[in-house]
Amino acid sequence: MSERMERPWALMRHHAGWADVFHIESETADSISGFYPDRETVGPPVSYSVRAVLARYPTLEAARAAREGAVLEWRKHDAAVREAEDKLRTAEKAREDAWLKSLREAAEIG
């Protein structure tokens, strides 16, 4: 058995800061197929590029624990992100105000 199939549990990006646990049932050099065990309805297997896998784990419990630990790590940066977003909004407002001022001044000249 390959190292990859010895680690059939994967985390797949769901959205920023969150990953879904995925069970890999089969794989080729380019793709994986499997299912999401935590979803309410487990439908037919889905396939993705192997590049979609964020990380692999030997057990479901290990994948879930890694996901929870990663959420805590993500949250450590929330305050810095909010601060940066506030600075960005302030800079965007200053840019908008300068643009409008420039347009109005040009209208007064012309």
C-alpha atoms as a PDB file:
ATOM      1  CA  MET A   1       0.000   0.000   0.000  1.00  0.00           C
ATOM      2  CA  SER A   2       1.343   3.435  -0.862  1.00  0.00           C
ATOM      3  CA  GLU A   3       2.009   6.097   1.756  1.00  0.00           C
ATOM      4  CA  ARG A   4      -0.851   8.096   0.273  1.00  0.00           C
ATOM      5  CA  MET A   5      -3.436   5.358   0.806  1.00  0.00           C
ATOM      6  CA  GLU A   6      -2.050   4.688   4.291  1.00  0.00           C
ATOM      7  CA  ARG A   7      -3.256   8.237   4.928  1.00  0.00           C
ATOM      8  CA  PRO A   8      -6.750   8.096   3.387  1.00  0.00           C
ATOM      9  CA  TRP A   9      -8.211  10.967   5.421  1.00  0.00           C
ATOM     10  CA  ALA A  10      -7.671  14.408   3.986  1.00  0.00           C
ATOM     11  CA  LEU A  11      -8.575  17.984   4.682  1.00  0.00           C
ATOM     12  CA  MET A  12     -10.000  19.862   1.720  1.00  0.00           C
ATOM     13  CA  ARG A  13     -10.367  23.644   1.619  1.00  0.00           C
ATOM     14  CA  HIS A  14     -13.984  24.659   2.215  1.00  0.00           C
ATOM     15  CA  HIS A  15     -13.530  28.406   2.699  1.00  0.00           C
ATOM     16  CA  ALA A  16     -10.973  30.680   4.305  1.00  0.00           C
ATOM     17  CA  GLY A  17     -10.104  29.268   7.699  1.00  0.00           C
ATOM     18  CA  TRP A  18     -12.096  26.062   7.401  1.00  0.00           C
ATOM     19  CA  ALA A  19     -11.432  22.685   5.832  1.00  0.00           C
ATOM     20  CA  ASP A  20     -13.731  19.702   5.381  1.00  0.00           C
ATOM     21  CA  VAL A  21     -12.707  16.159   6.277  1.00  0.00           C
ATOM     22  CA  PHE A  22     -12.659  13.957   3.175  1.00  0.00           C
ATOM     23  CA  HIS A  23     -12.205  10.186   2.923  1.00  0.00           C
ATOM     24  CA  ILE A  24     -10.127   9.154  -0.081  1.00  0.00           C
ATOM     25  CA  GLU A  25     -11.426   5.879  -1.499  1.00  0.00           C
ATOM     26  CA  SER A  26      -9.326   5.784  -4.651  1.00  0.00           C
ATOM     27  CA  GLU A  27      -6.649   7.800  -6.353  1.00  0.00           C
ATOM     28  CA  THR A  28      -4.521   8.095  -9.418  1.00  0.00           C
ATOM     29  CA  ALA A  29      -1.425  10.201  -9.933  1.00  0.00           C
ATOM     30  CA  ASP A  30      -3.674  13.147 -10.840  1.00  0.00           C
ATOM     31  CA  SER A  31      -6.969  12.720  -8.999  1.00  0.00           C
ATOM     32  CA  ILE A  32      -8.657  11.476  -5.851  1.00  0.00           C
ATOM     33  CA  SER A  33     -12.188  10.188  -5.340  1.00  0.00           C
ATOM     34  CA  GLY A  34     -14.101   9.770  -2.130  1.00  0.00           C
ATOM     35  CA  PHE A  35     -16.715  11.319   0.139  1.00  0.00           C
ATOM     36  CA  TYR A  36     -17.259  13.787   2.981  1.00  0.00           C
ATOM     37  CA  PRO A  37     -18.246  11.767   6.089  1.00  0.00           C
ATOM     38  CA  ASP A  38     -19.473  14.806   8.031  1.00  0.00           C
ATOM     39  CA  ARG A  39     -22.032  15.899   5.475  1.00  0.00           C
ATOM     40  CA  GLU A  40     -25.692  15.120   6.171  1.00  0.00           C
ATOM     41  CA  THR A  41     -26.137  13.176   2.964  1.00  0.00           C
ATOM     42  CA  VAL A  42     -23.289  11.107   1.680  1.00  0.00           C
ATOM     43  CA  GLY A  43     -23.866  10.864  -2.039  1.00  0.00           C
ATOM     44  CA  PRO A  44     -21.859   9.185  -4.751  1.00  0.00           C
ATOM     45  CA  PRO A  45     -18.088   9.619  -4.628  1.00  0.00           C
ATOM     46  CA  VAL A  46     -16.743  12.921  -5.891  1.00  0.00           C
ATOM     47  CA  SER A  47     -13.424  13.456  -7.646  1.00  0.00           C
ATOM     48  CA  TYR A  48     -10.871  16.235  -7.376  1.00  0.00           C
ATOM     49  CA  SER A  49      -7.376  17.013  -8.505  1.00  0.00           C
ATOM     50  CA  VAL A  50      -4.777  15.813  -6.005  1.00  0.00           C
ATOM     51  CA  ARG A  51      -3.839  19.499  -5.650  1.00  0.00           C
ATOM     52  CA  ALA A  52      -7.125  20.033  -3.749  1.00  0.00           C
ATOM     53  CA  VAL A  53      -5.808  18.088  -0.753  1.00  0.00           C
ATOM     54  CA  LEU A  54      -4.490  20.403   1.949  1.00  0.00           C
ATOM     55  CA  ALA A  55      -3.097  17.584   4.115  1.00  0.00           C
ATOM     56  CA  ARG A  56      -3.489  13.815   4.688  1.00  0.00           C
ATOM     57  CA  TYR A  57      -3.997  11.889   7.911  1.00  0.00           C
ATOM     58  CA  PRO A  58      -4.057   8.212   8.885  1.00  0.00           C
ATOM     59  CA  THR A  59      -7.380   8.392  10.787  1.00  0.00           C
ATOM     60  CA  LEU A  60     -10.622  10.342  10.859  1.00  0.00           C
ATOM     61  CA  GLU A  61      -9.862  11.456  14.408  1.00  0.00           C
ATOM     62  CA  ALA A  62      -6.455  12.804  13.383  1.00  0.00           C
ATOM     63  CA  ALA A  63      -8.000  14.794  10.530  1.00  0.00           C
ATOM     64  CA  ARG A  64     -10.683  16.263  12.791  1.00  0.00           C
ATOM     65  CA  ALA A  65      -8.147  17.147  15.483  1.00  0.00           C
ATOM     66  CA  ALA A  66      -5.886  18.838  12.938  1.00  0.00           C
ATOM     67  CA  ARG A  67      -8.834  20.803  11.572  1.00  0.00           C
ATOM     68  CA  GLU A  68      -9.810  22.020  15.043  1.00  0.00           C
ATOM     69  CA  GLY A  69      -6.217  22.966  15.866  1.00  0.00           C
ATOM     70  CA  ALA A  70      -5.931  24.867  12.615  1.00  0.00           C
ATOM     71  CA  VAL A  71      -9.105  26.827  13.397  1.00  0.00           C
ATOM     72  CA  LEU A  72      -7.551  27.912  16.698  1.00  0.00           C
ATOM     73  CA  GLU A  73      -4.386  28.941  14.852  1.00  0.00           C
ATOM     74  CA  TRP A  74      -6.487  30.893  12.316  1.00  0.00           C
ATOM     75  CA  ARG A  75      -8.339  32.702  15.116  1.00  0.00           C
ATOM     76  CA  LYS A  76      -5.056  33.888  16.692  1.00  0.00           C
ATOM     77  CA  HIS A  77      -4.732  36.276  13.752  1.00  0.00           C
ATOM     78  CA  ASP A  78      -8.277  37.696  13.805  1.00  0.00           C
ATOM     79  CA  ALA A  79      -7.412  40.921  15.669  1.00  0.00           C
ATOM     80  CA  ALA A  80      -4.502  41.731  13.333  1.00  0.00           C
ATOM     81  CA  VAL A  81      -6.705  41.079  10.301  1.00  0.00           C
ATOM     82  CA  ARG A  82      -9.461  43.354  11.655  1.00  0.00           C
ATOM     83  CA  GLU A  83      -6.897  46.074  12.312  1.00  0.00           C
ATOM     84  CA  ALA A  84      -5.517  45.756   8.774  1.00  0.00           C
ATOM     85  CA  GLU A  85      -9.049  45.841   7.330  1.00  0.00           C
ATOM     86  CA  ASP A  86      -9.782  49.049   9.295  1.00  0.00           C
ATOM     87  CA  LYS A  87      -6.605  50.624   7.921  1.00  0.00           C
ATOM     88  CA  LEU A  88      -7.547  49.526   4.407  1.00  0.00           C
ATOM     89  CA  ARG A  89     -11.038  51.049   4.733  1.00  0.00           C
ATOM     90  CA  THR A  90      -9.485  54.315   5.974  1.00  0.00           C
ATOM     91  CA  ALA A  91      -7.038  54.364   3.053  1.00  0.00           C
ATOM     92  CA  GLU A  92      -9.799  53.583   0.544  1.00  0.00           C
ATOM     93  CA  LYS A  93     -11.924  56.415   1.980  1.00  0.00           C
ATOM     94  CA  ALA A  94      -8.999  58.841   1.684  1.00  0.00           C
ATOM     95  CA  ARG A  95      -8.466  57.748  -1.923  1.00  0.00           C
ATOM     96  CA  GLU A  96     -12.169  58.173  -2.745  1.00  0.00           C
ATOM     97  CA  ASP A  97     -12.241  61.616  -1.108  1.00  0.00           C
ATOM     98  CA  ALA A  98      -9.120  62.726  -3.009  1.00  0.00           C
ATOM     99  CA  TRP A  99     -10.559  61.485  -6.293  1.00  0.00           C
ATOM    100  CA  LEU A 100     -13.844  63.331  -5.765  1.00  0.00           C
ATOM    101  CA  LYS A 101     -12.006  66.494  -4.696  1.00  0.00           C
ATOM    102  CA  SER A 102      -9.869  66.329  -7.849  1.00  0.00           C
ATOM    103  CA  LEU A 103     -12.947  65.951 -10.059  1.00  0.00           C
ATOM    104  CA  ARG A 104     -14.733  68.849  -8.366  1.00  0.00           C
ATOM    105  CA  GLU A 105     -11.719  71.119  -8.537  1.00  0.00           C
ATOM    106  CA  ALA A 106     -11.309  70.337 -12.227  1.00  0.00           C
ATOM    107  CA  ALA A 107     -14.991  71.209 -12.752  1.00  0.00           C
ATOM    108  CA  GLU A 108     -14.489  74.594 -11.060  1.00  0.00           C
ATOM    109  CA  ILE A 109     -11.500  75.388 -13.309  1.00  0.00           C
ATOM    110  CA  GLY A 110     -13.148  74.274 -16.514  1.00  0.00           C
END
